[in-house]
Amino acid sequence: QVQLEESGGGLVQPGGSLRLSCAASGSMRNIAAMGWHRQAPGKERELVAVITSGGSTNYADSVKGRFTISSDNAKNTVSLQMNSLKPEDTAVYYCKLITVAYGLVFWGQGTQVTVSS
């Protein structure tokens, strides 16, 4: 079974930076895409950024120009570099993986990001 482990969350002041990382492990082969979603208190989970195995990316409008997603296909990892952080970026960030076979979706446990002065 596929497992996802996030790391890099924490407390940062507005304007600061954080880098989230996610490593996939398990018996699954062939990843179609990996990405990040976030969920703030009282709100629905929303897309932040995704990247396909071919390198195509997509970002939420609210993070374009500030966040950068990257991946290492050989190591089955994905990272999210978050710059110019704002209080509204505060949320639990979840790593997501989608397989080529059957289009299965796997989620990490989430890592807390808090942006506050």
Protein backbone atom coordinates (compact mmCIF):
# COMPACT_ATOMS: atom_id res chain seq x y z
CA GLN A 1 0.00 0.00 0.00
CA VAL A 2 1.16 3.54 -0.77
CA GLN A 3 2.02 5.82 2.13
CA LEU A 4 2.73 9.55 2.01
CA GLU A 5 4.76 11.39 4.63
CA GLU A 6 4.76 15.21 4.77
CA SER A 7 7.31 17.36 6.53
CA GLY A 8 8.37 21.00 6.76
CA GLY A 9 5.34 22.65 8.31
CA GLY A 10 5.57 25.09 11.16
CA LEU A 11 5.09 28.64 12.36
CA VAL A 12 6.38 31.51 10.24
CA GLN A 13 5.91 35.28 10.20
CA PRO A 14 4.12 37.01 7.32
CA GLY A 15 6.50 37.44 4.41
CA GLY A 16 8.53 34.42 5.44
CA SER A 17 9.13 31.14 3.67
CA LEU A 18 8.63 27.44 4.26
CA ARG A 19 9.38 24.37 2.20
CA LEU A 20 7.10 21.36 2.44
CA SER A 21 8.23 17.93 1.34
CA CYS A 22 6.36 14.70 0.73
CA ALA A 23 7.83 11.26 0.20
CA ALA A 24 5.86 8.34 -1.20
CA SER A 25 6.63 4.77 -0.26
CA GLY A 26 5.06 1.37 -0.78
CA SER A 27 4.45 -1.16 -3.51
CA MET A 28 2.66 1.14 -5.97
CA ARG A 29 4.27 1.84 -9.33
CA ASN A 30 3.70 4.53 -11.95
CA ILE A 31 2.63 7.91 -10.59
CA ALA A 32 0.45 10.13 -12.75
CA ALA A 33 0.64 13.23 -10.58
CA MET A 34 1.44 14.53 -7.13
CA GLY A 35 0.30 17.69 -5.47
CA TRP A 36 -0.71 19.66 -2.45
CA HIS A 37 -4.07 20.66 -1.04
CA ARG A 38 -4.83 22.68 2.07
CA GLN A 39 -7.68 23.04 4.50
CA ALA A 40 -8.16 26.01 6.80
CA PRO A 41 -10.38 25.83 9.90
CA GLY A 42 -14.03 25.90 8.92
CA LYS A 43 -13.29 25.70 5.20
CA GLU A 44 -13.28 23.02 2.53
CA ARG A 45 -10.09 21.42 1.33
CA GLU A 46 -8.76 23.25 -1.71
CA LEU A 47 -6.17 22.66 -4.40
CA VAL A 48 -2.87 24.47 -3.94
CA ALA A 49 -0.64 23.01 -6.65
CA VAL A 50 -0.18 19.84 -8.68
CA ILE A 51 2.54 18.49 -10.92
CA THR A 52 2.30 15.62 -13.39
CA SER A 53 4.95 13.01 -14.00
CA GLY A 54 5.74 14.90 -17.20
CA GLY A 55 6.38 18.13 -15.32
CA SER A 56 3.22 20.09 -16.09
CA THR A 57 2.07 22.26 -13.17
CA ASN A 58 -1.11 23.95 -12.03
CA TYR A 59 -1.54 26.43 -9.17
CA ALA A 60 -4.39 28.01 -7.31
CA ASP A 61 -4.75 31.67 -8.25
CA SER A 62 -4.12 32.68 -4.65
CA VAL A 63 -0.60 31.21 -4.63
CA LYS A 64 0.62 31.89 -8.17
CA GLY A 65 3.93 33.71 -8.15
CA ARG A 66 4.58 32.82 -4.50
CA PHE A 67 4.56 29.02 -4.39
CA THR A 68 6.55 26.61 -6.53
CA ILE A 69 5.91 22.88 -6.78
CA SER A 70 8.61 20.47 -7.84
CA SER A 71 9.08 16.73 -7.96
CA ASP A 72 11.69 14.03 -8.27
CA ASN A 73 10.10 11.20 -10.22
CA ALA A 74 12.95 8.81 -9.54
CA LYS A 75 12.55 9.23 -5.79
CA ASN A 76 8.75 9.66 -5.78
CA THR A 77 8.91 12.92 -3.87
CA VAL A 78 7.22 16.28 -4.23
CA SER A 79 8.03 19.61 -2.61
CA LEU A 80 6.28 22.93 -2.24
CA GLN A 81 8.41 26.04 -1.82
CA MET A 82 6.25 28.71 -0.20
CA ASN A 83 7.50 32.30 -0.29
CA SER A 84 5.95 35.61 0.74
CA LEU A 85 3.60 33.78 3.07
CA LYS A 86 0.41 35.48 4.18
CA PRO A 87 -1.84 34.84 7.20
CA GLU A 88 -4.48 33.50 4.82
CA ASP A 89 -2.07 30.71 3.88
CA THR A 90 -2.56 29.26 7.35
CA ALA A 91 -3.95 25.74 6.95
CA VAL A 92 -3.19 22.07 7.16
CA TYR A 93 -1.39 21.10 3.98
CA TYR A 94 -1.96 17.63 2.54
CA CYS A 95 0.16 15.75 0.04
CA LYS A 96 -1.73 13.89 -2.70
CA LEU A 97 -0.67 11.17 -5.12
CA ILE A 98 -2.59 9.87 -8.14
CA THR A 99 -1.65 6.59 -9.80
CA VAL A 100 -1.63 5.83 -13.52
CA ALA A 101 -3.35 2.51 -12.92
CA TYR A 102 -7.01 2.94 -11.91
CA GLY A 103 -6.50 6.62 -11.07
CA LEU A 104 -6.21 5.87 -7.36
CA VAL A 105 -5.81 8.80 -4.97
CA PHE A 106 -3.70 8.67 -1.82
CA TRP A 107 -3.45 11.34 0.88
CA GLY A 108 -0.87 12.14 3.51
CA GLN A 109 -1.70 12.89 7.12
CA GLY A 110 -1.17 16.63 6.67
CA THR A 111 1.24 19.16 8.12
CA GLN A 112 0.26 22.40 9.85
CA VAL A 113 1.39 25.72 8.39
CA THR A 114 0.71 28.79 10.52
CA VAL A 115 1.53 32.29 9.28
CA SER A 116 1.29 34.81 12.10
CA SER A 117 3.20 37.66 13.67
